[in-house]
Amino acid sequence: MPFREVNSRVVEAVIAPGQKMFSQRGAMLAYRGEVSFTPNVQGGQGGVMSMIGRRVANEATPLMTVEGDGTVMFGHGGHHIQVIQLSGDTLYVEADRLLAFDGTLTQGTMFMGSQGGVMGMVRGQVTGQGLFTTTLKGHGAVAVMAHGGVIELPVTPGRAVHVDPQAYVAHHGDVRNKLSTALGWRDMVGRGSGEAFQLELSGSGAVYVQASEEKL
């Protein structure tokens, strides 16, 4: 794993010659050694089509390509950071939550309607995440940002996990997600808890939830 957690809000990455990493622009706090930071204009490992997908998705989070020989400390906005290790599976996460990730991972864009049809699109609007989400696939590590820390909840066959859409951070594995409603008469008259929608995740994998309903 290239990331070492310095504290809950800072991670340190080892940059080795011949390898690269991608980070959110402005995420570098300090570095040692001979390290270069250049704007990424090719959409990461996903190439031009990944870049086009993100433009269509209106994901304006710019990335930097990090190369050289040294170590870099990353952090942004005082947000809590969670490091997620991928072993050949796919991580689904919003672009603005990405702090940094391995250059070995392939980046792409997925249309929310492909996971849950119309309700998948509704979910994107309810969570404020839009109609598209970012995917990272392969072997490597990803550092994501969240409010108030992150907990990892395993998703196992036959035992779905329900989370508040506003607290959802990311998920990986063979996981299906759909938006369900708990709308009742109390919500209709304005006396409910306000948690009328729930995100249901089923299959096999894990979901990451932040300890807050606040967006980045």
C-alpha atoms as a PDB file:
ATOM      1  CA  MET A   1       0.000   0.000   0.000  1.00  0.00           C
ATOM      2  CA  PRO A   2       1.604   3.311  -1.058  1.00  0.00           C
ATOM      3  CA  PHE A   3      -0.254   5.369   1.576  1.00  0.00           C
ATOM      4  CA  ARG A   4       0.740   5.741   5.205  1.00  0.00           C
ATOM      5  CA  GLU A   5      -1.775   7.410   7.485  1.00  0.00           C
ATOM      6  CA  VAL A   6       0.008  10.236   9.312  1.00  0.00           C
ATOM      7  CA  ASN A   7      -3.194  11.108  11.166  1.00  0.00           C
ATOM      8  CA  SER A   8      -6.920  11.109  10.410  1.00  0.00           C
ATOM      9  CA  ARG A   9      -6.548  14.052   8.007  1.00  0.00           C
ATOM     10  CA  VAL A  10      -3.152  13.504   6.371  1.00  0.00           C
ATOM     11  CA  VAL A  11      -1.656  10.605   4.396  1.00  0.00           C
ATOM     12  CA  GLU A  12       1.878  10.143   3.093  1.00  0.00           C
ATOM     13  CA  ALA A  13       2.558   8.443  -0.253  1.00  0.00           C
ATOM     14  CA  VAL A  14       5.784   6.906  -1.515  1.00  0.00           C
ATOM     15  CA  ILE A  15       6.552   7.917  -5.109  1.00  0.00           C
ATOM     16  CA  ALA A  16       8.941   5.505  -6.837  1.00  0.00           C
ATOM     17  CA  PRO A  17      10.792   6.040 -10.138  1.00  0.00           C
ATOM     18  CA  GLY A  18       8.815   4.753 -13.119  1.00  0.00           C
ATOM     19  CA  GLN A  19       5.522   4.851 -11.242  1.00  0.00           C
ATOM     20  CA  LYS A  20       2.879   7.536 -11.035  1.00  0.00           C
ATOM     21  CA  MET A  21       0.035   8.637  -8.830  1.00  0.00           C
ATOM     22  CA  PHE A  22      -2.934  10.932  -9.392  1.00  0.00           C
ATOM     23  CA  SER A  23      -4.117  13.471  -6.836  1.00  0.00           C
ATOM     24  CA  GLN A  24      -6.710  16.192  -6.570  1.00  0.00           C
ATOM     25  CA  ARG A  25      -5.217  19.548  -7.491  1.00  0.00           C
ATOM     26  CA  GLY A  26      -4.258  21.454  -4.350  1.00  0.00           C
ATOM     27  CA  ALA A  27      -4.042  18.299  -2.209  1.00  0.00           C
ATOM     28  CA  MET A  28      -0.255  18.342  -1.825  1.00  0.00           C
ATOM     29  CA  LEU A  29       0.775  19.575   1.631  1.00  0.00           C
ATOM     30  CA  ALA A  30       4.518  18.848   1.561  1.00  0.00           C
ATOM     31  CA  TYR A  31       7.010  16.572  -0.133  1.00  0.00           C
ATOM     32  CA  ARG A  32      10.573  15.252   0.069  1.00  0.00           C
ATOM     33  CA  GLY A  33      12.836  14.241  -2.799  1.00  0.00           C
ATOM     34  CA  GLU A  34      12.603  14.864  -6.533  1.00  0.00           C
ATOM     35  CA  VAL A  35       8.869  14.903  -7.227  1.00  0.00           C
ATOM     36  CA  SER A  36       6.989  16.623 -10.059  1.00  0.00           C
ATOM     37  CA  PHE A  37       3.339  17.675 -10.221  1.00  0.00           C
ATOM     38  CA  THR A  38       1.773  18.232 -13.647  1.00  0.00           C
ATOM     39  CA  PRO A  39      -1.849  18.827 -14.711  1.00  0.00           C
ATOM     40  CA  ASN A  40      -3.482  15.640 -15.963  1.00  0.00           C
ATOM     41  CA  VAL A  41      -5.050  16.224 -19.372  1.00  0.00           C
ATOM     42  CA  GLN A  42      -5.570  12.600 -20.415  1.00  0.00           C
ATOM     43  CA  GLY A  43      -8.131  11.420 -17.879  1.00  0.00           C
ATOM     44  CA  GLY A  44      -5.805   9.185 -15.842  1.00  0.00           C
ATOM     45  CA  GLN A  45      -5.431   5.501 -16.707  1.00  0.00           C
ATOM     46  CA  GLY A  46      -8.853   5.574 -18.362  1.00  0.00           C
ATOM     47  CA  GLY A  47      -7.485   7.697 -21.220  1.00  0.00           C
ATOM     48  CA  VAL A  48      -9.332  10.199 -23.338  1.00  0.00           C
ATOM     49  CA  MET A  49     -12.696   8.434 -23.106  1.00  0.00           C
ATOM     50  CA  SER A  50     -12.539   8.600 -19.313  1.00  0.00           C
ATOM     51  CA  MET A  51     -11.846  12.326 -19.549  1.00  0.00           C
ATOM     52  CA  ILE A  52     -14.787  12.815 -21.917  1.00  0.00           C
ATOM     53  CA  GLY A  53     -17.012  10.817 -19.577  1.00  0.00           C
ATOM     54  CA  ARG A  54     -16.124  13.070 -16.688  1.00  0.00           C
ATOM     55  CA  ARG A  55     -16.829  16.161 -18.785  1.00  0.00           C
ATOM     56  CA  VAL A  56     -20.278  14.780 -19.636  1.00  0.00           C
ATOM     57  CA  ALA A  57     -20.758  13.983 -15.947  1.00  0.00           C
ATOM     58  CA  ASN A  58     -19.898  17.607 -15.156  1.00  0.00           C
ATOM     59  CA  GLU A  59     -17.234  16.417 -12.742  1.00  0.00           C
ATOM     60  CA  ALA A  60     -14.895  19.382 -12.676  1.00  0.00           C
ATOM     61  CA  THR A  61     -12.450  18.018 -10.087  1.00  0.00           C
ATOM     62  CA  PRO A  62      -9.005  18.546 -11.698  1.00  0.00           C
ATOM     63  CA  LEU A  63      -6.270  15.953 -11.210  1.00  0.00           C
ATOM     64  CA  MET A  64      -2.504  16.211 -10.987  1.00  0.00           C
ATOM     65  CA  THR A  65      -0.056  13.550 -12.145  1.00  0.00           C
ATOM     66  CA  VAL A  66       2.562  12.924  -9.457  1.00  0.00           C
ATOM     67  CA  GLU A  67       5.885  11.356 -10.504  1.00  0.00           C
ATOM     68  CA  GLY A  68       9.494  11.135  -9.359  1.00  0.00           C
ATOM     69  CA  ASP A  69      11.363   9.711  -6.398  1.00  0.00           C
ATOM     70  CA  GLY A  70      10.325  10.749  -2.902  1.00  0.00           C
ATOM     71  CA  THR A  71       7.403  11.044  -0.515  1.00  0.00           C
ATOM     72  CA  VAL A  72       4.377  13.336  -0.620  1.00  0.00           C
ATOM     73  CA  MET A  73       1.934  14.312   2.121  1.00  0.00           C
ATOM     74  CA  PHE A  74      -1.661  14.783   0.983  1.00  0.00           C
ATOM     75  CA  GLY A  75      -4.652  16.420   2.674  1.00  0.00           C
ATOM     76  CA  HIS A  76      -7.422  18.789   1.709  1.00  0.00           C
ATOM     77  CA  GLY A  77      -9.783  21.089   3.574  1.00  0.00           C
ATOM     78  CA  GLY A  78      -9.197  19.369   6.893  1.00  0.00           C
ATOM     79  CA  HIS A  79     -11.377  16.451   5.764  1.00  0.00           C
ATOM     80  CA  HIS A  80     -10.997  12.995   7.256  1.00  0.00           C
ATOM     81  CA  ILE A  81      -9.223  10.544   4.957  1.00  0.00           C
ATOM     82  CA  GLN A  82      -9.954   6.865   4.415  1.00  0.00           C
ATOM     83  CA  VAL A  83      -7.517   4.622   2.533  1.00  0.00           C
ATOM     84  CA  ILE A  84      -9.178   1.844   0.541  1.00  0.00           C
ATOM     85  CA  GLN A  85      -7.180  -1.060  -0.896  1.00  0.00           C
ATOM     86  CA  LEU A  86      -8.481  -2.620  -4.117  1.00  0.00           C
ATOM     87  CA  SER A  87      -7.581  -6.180  -5.137  1.00  0.00           C
ATOM     88  CA  GLY A  88      -8.881  -6.359  -8.674  1.00  0.00           C
ATOM     89  CA  ASP A  89     -12.389  -5.104  -7.928  1.00  0.00           C
ATOM     90  CA  THR A  90     -14.073  -1.766  -8.694  1.00  0.00           C
ATOM     91  CA  LEU A  91     -14.575   1.204  -6.397  1.00  0.00           C
ATOM     92  CA  TYR A  92     -17.541   3.514  -7.026  1.00  0.00           C
ATOM     93  CA  VAL A  93     -16.920   7.005  -5.630  1.00  0.00           C
ATOM     94  CA  GLU A  94     -17.711  10.631  -6.411  1.00  0.00           C
ATOM     95  CA  ALA A  95     -14.859  12.535  -8.081  1.00  0.00           C
ATOM     96  CA  ASP A  96     -14.840  15.335  -5.511  1.00  0.00           C
ATOM     97  CA  ARG A  97     -14.147  12.781  -2.753  1.00  0.00           C
ATOM     98  CA  LEU A  98     -10.945  11.530  -4.412  1.00  0.00           C
ATOM     99  CA  LEU A  99      -7.816  12.787  -2.682  1.00  0.00           C
ATOM    100  CA  ALA A 100      -5.219  10.591  -4.412  1.00  0.00           C
ATOM    101  CA  PHE A 101      -4.965   7.136  -5.986  1.00  0.00           C
ATOM    102  CA  ASP A 102      -2.510   4.716  -7.551  1.00  0.00           C
ATOM    103  CA  GLY A 103      -1.642   5.249 -11.195  1.00  0.00           C
ATOM    104  CA  THR A 104      -2.107   1.506 -11.714  1.00  0.00           C
ATOM    105  CA  LEU A 105      -5.872   1.875 -11.326  1.00  0.00           C
ATOM    106  CA  THR A 106      -8.114   2.350 -14.358  1.00  0.00           C
ATOM    107  CA  GLN A 107     -10.474   5.301 -14.041  1.00  0.00           C
ATOM    108  CA  GLY A 108     -13.899   5.449 -15.671  1.00  0.00           C
ATOM    109  CA  THR A 109     -17.387   6.929 -15.417  1.00  0.00           C
ATOM    110  CA  MET A 110     -20.657   5.071 -14.817  1.00  0.00           C
ATOM    111  CA  PHE A 111     -24.166   6.300 -15.564  1.00  0.00           C
ATOM    112  CA  MET A 112     -26.265   6.063 -12.388  1.00  0.00           C
ATOM    113  CA  GLY A 113     -29.281   4.819 -14.354  1.00  0.00           C
ATOM    114  CA  SER A 114     -27.421   1.583 -15.080  1.00  0.00           C
ATOM    115  CA  GLN A 115     -27.710   0.693 -11.391  1.00  0.00           C
ATOM    116  CA  GLY A 116     -31.360   0.896 -10.562  1.00  0.00           C
ATOM    117  CA  GLY A 117     -32.820   2.449 -13.722  1.00  0.00           C
ATOM    118  CA  VAL A 118     -34.887   5.546 -13.054  1.00  0.00           C
ATOM    119  CA  MET A 119     -34.451   5.147  -9.302  1.00  0.00           C
ATOM    120  CA  GLY A 120     -30.698   5.089  -9.843  1.00  0.00           C
ATOM    121  CA  MET A 121     -30.961   8.486 -11.470  1.00  0.00           C
ATOM    122  CA  VAL A 122     -33.249   9.711  -8.678  1.00  0.00           C
ATOM    123  CA  ARG A 123     -30.667   8.505  -6.171  1.00  0.00           C
ATOM    124  CA  GLY A 124     -28.024  10.649  -7.851  1.00  0.00           C
ATOM    125  CA  GLN A 125     -30.231  13.695  -7.462  1.00  0.00           C
ATOM    126  CA  VAL A 126     -31.253  12.939  -3.854  1.00  0.00           C
ATOM    127  CA  THR A 127     -27.635  12.506  -2.766  1.00  0.00           C
ATOM    128  CA  GLY A 128     -26.541  15.538  -4.751  1.00  0.00           C
ATOM    129  CA  GLN A 129     -24.079  13.337  -6.662  1.00  0.00           C
ATOM    130  CA  GLY A 130     -25.568  13.882 -10.113  1.00  0.00           C
ATOM    131  CA  LEU A 131     -26.266  11.322 -12.831  1.00  0.00           C
ATOM    132  CA  PHE A 132     -22.744   9.878 -13.035  1.00  0.00           C
ATOM    133  CA  THR A 133     -20.194   8.422 -10.635  1.00  0.00           C
ATOM    134  CA  THR A 134     -16.460   7.710 -10.925  1.00  0.00           C
ATOM    135  CA  THR A 135     -15.077   4.167 -11.015  1.00  0.00           C
ATOM    136  CA  LEU A 136     -11.567   2.972 -10.150  1.00  0.00           C
ATOM    137  CA  LYS A 137     -10.664  -0.608 -11.020  1.00  0.00           C
ATOM    138  CA  GLY A 138      -7.601  -2.816 -10.515  1.00  0.00           C
ATOM    139  CA  HIS A 139      -4.967  -3.415  -7.859  1.00  0.00           C
ATOM    140  CA  GLY A 140      -3.921  -0.434  -5.792  1.00  0.00           C
ATOM    141  CA  ALA A 141      -4.900   2.045  -3.119  1.00  0.00           C
ATOM    142  CA  VAL A 142      -7.277   5.001  -3.057  1.00  0.00           C
ATOM    143  CA  ALA A 143      -7.459   7.814  -0.493  1.00  0.00           C
ATOM    144  CA  VAL A 144     -10.966   9.292  -0.220  1.00  0.00           C
ATOM    145  CA  MET A 145     -12.238  12.249   1.815  1.00  0.00           C
ATOM    146  CA  ALA A 146     -15.224  12.450   4.136  1.00  0.00           C
ATOM    147  CA  HIS A 147     -16.710  14.431   7.011  1.00  0.00           C
ATOM    148  CA  GLY A 148     -16.274  13.157  10.559  1.00  0.00           C
ATOM    149  CA  GLY A 149     -14.500   9.912   9.780  1.00  0.00           C
ATOM    150  CA  VAL A 150     -15.521   6.807   7.835  1.00  0.00           C
ATOM    151  CA  ILE A 151     -16.779   3.378   8.821  1.00  0.00           C
ATOM    152  CA  GLU A 152     -16.605   0.323   6.565  1.00  0.00           C
ATOM    153  CA  LEU A 153     -19.716  -1.873   6.531  1.00  0.00           C
ATOM    154  CA  PRO A 154     -19.449  -5.317   4.906  1.00  0.00           C
ATOM    155  CA  VAL A 155     -22.166  -6.241   2.408  1.00  0.00           C
ATOM    156  CA  THR A 156     -22.857  -9.984   2.294  1.00  0.00           C
ATOM    157  CA  PRO A 157     -25.334 -12.081   0.276  1.00  0.00           C
ATOM    158  CA  GLY A 158     -28.759 -12.129   1.903  1.00  0.00           C
ATOM    159  CA  ARG A 159     -27.958  -9.261   4.261  1.00  0.00           C
ATOM    160  CA  ALA A 160     -28.463  -5.904   2.581  1.00  0.00           C
ATOM    161  CA  VAL A 161     -27.133  -2.725   4.161  1.00  0.00           C
ATOM    162  CA  HIS A 162     -29.295   0.419   4.286  1.00  0.00           C
ATOM    163  CA  VAL A 163     -27.590   3.805   4.588  1.00  0.00           C
ATOM    164  CA  ASP A 164     -28.598   7.448   4.519  1.00  0.00           C
ATOM    165  CA  PRO A 165     -27.836   8.659   0.952  1.00  0.00           C
ATOM    166  CA  GLN A 166     -26.224  11.815   2.336  1.00  0.00           C
ATOM    167  CA  ALA A 167     -23.832   9.739   4.459  1.00  0.00           C
ATOM    168  CA  TYR A 168     -22.786   7.453   1.586  1.00  0.00           C
ATOM    169  CA  VAL A 169     -19.125   7.824   0.552  1.00  0.00           C
ATOM    170  CA  ALA A 170     -18.245   4.880  -1.713  1.00  0.00           C
ATOM    171  CA  HIS A 171     -18.609   1.148  -2.233  1.00  0.00           C
ATOM    172  CA  HIS A 172     -16.695  -1.663  -3.897  1.00  0.00           C
ATOM    173  CA  GLY A 173     -17.199  -5.265  -4.890  1.00  0.00           C
ATOM    174  CA  ASP A 174     -20.104  -6.991  -6.590  1.00  0.00           C
ATOM    175  CA  VAL A 175     -22.684  -4.689  -5.023  1.00  0.00           C
ATOM    176  CA  ARG A 176     -26.013  -3.503  -6.385  1.00  0.00           C
ATOM    177  CA  ASN A 177     -27.569  -0.354  -5.012  1.00  0.00           C
ATOM    178  CA  LYS A 178     -31.051   1.049  -5.213  1.00  0.00           C
ATOM    179  CA  LEU A 179     -32.942   3.909  -3.651  1.00  0.00           C
ATOM    180  CA  SER A 180     -35.910   2.968  -1.496  1.00  0.00           C
ATOM    181  CA  THR A 181     -38.421   5.222   0.166  1.00  0.00           C
ATOM    182  CA  ALA A 182     -39.717   5.122   3.712  1.00  0.00           C
ATOM    183  CA  LEU A 183     -42.251   7.847   3.020  1.00  0.00           C
ATOM    184  CA  GLY A 184     -45.196   7.660   5.381  1.00  0.00           C
ATOM    185  CA  TRP A 185     -48.056   9.854   6.523  1.00  0.00           C
ATOM    186  CA  ARG A 186     -45.814  11.702   9.005  1.00  0.00           C
ATOM    187  CA  ASP A 187     -43.542  12.756   6.162  1.00  0.00           C
ATOM    188  CA  MET A 188     -46.552  13.845   4.140  1.00  0.00           C
ATOM    189  CA  VAL A 189     -47.640  16.271   6.865  1.00  0.00           C
ATOM    190  CA  GLY A 190     -44.101  17.439   7.649  1.00  0.00           C
ATOM    191  CA  ARG A 191     -43.691  15.646  10.974  1.00  0.00           C
ATOM    192  CA  GLY A 192     -41.320  12.925   9.901  1.00  0.00           C
ATOM    193  CA  SER A 193     -37.624  12.569  10.616  1.00  0.00           C
ATOM    194  CA  GLY A 194     -36.696  13.755   7.145  1.00  0.00           C
ATOM    195  CA  GLU A 195     -35.002  10.427   6.322  1.00  0.00           C
ATOM    196  CA  ALA A 196     -37.575   9.530   3.699  1.00  0.00           C
ATOM    197  CA  PHE A 197     -35.014   7.911   1.369  1.00  0.00           C
ATOM    198  CA  GLN A 198     -32.616   5.071   2.062  1.00  0.00           C
ATOM    199  CA  LEU A 199     -29.857   3.617  -0.081  1.00  0.00           C
ATOM    200  CA  GLU A 200     -30.029  -0.188  -0.103  1.00  0.00           C
ATOM    201  CA  LEU A 201     -26.851  -2.080  -1.016  1.00  0.00           C
ATOM    202  CA  SER A 202     -26.894  -5.823  -1.614  1.00  0.00           C
ATOM    203  CA  GLY A 203     -24.487  -8.446  -2.926  1.00  0.00           C
ATOM    204  CA  SER A 204     -20.906  -8.990  -1.823  1.00  0.00           C
ATOM    205  CA  GLY A 205     -18.459  -6.209  -0.982  1.00  0.00           C
ATOM    206  CA  ALA A 206     -18.331  -3.208   1.325  1.00  0.00           C
ATOM    207  CA  VAL A 207     -19.838   0.264   1.660  1.00  0.00           C
ATOM    208  CA  TYR A 208     -18.132   3.251   3.252  1.00  0.00           C
ATOM    209  CA  VAL A 209     -20.249   5.671   5.293  1.00  0.00           C
ATOM    210  CA  GLN A 210     -19.222   8.999   6.800  1.00  0.00           C
ATOM    211  CA  ALA A 211     -20.224  10.153  10.276  1.00  0.00           C
ATOM    212  CA  SER A 212     -22.074  13.140   8.863  1.00  0.00           C
ATOM    213  CA  GLU A 213     -24.786  14.056   6.372  1.00  0.00           C
ATOM    214  CA  GLU A 214     -22.780  17.027   5.115  1.00  0.00           C
ATOM    215  CA  LYS A 215     -21.407  17.108   1.562  1.00  0.00           C
ATOM    216  CA  LEU A 216     -17.814  18.077   0.859  1.00  0.00           C
END
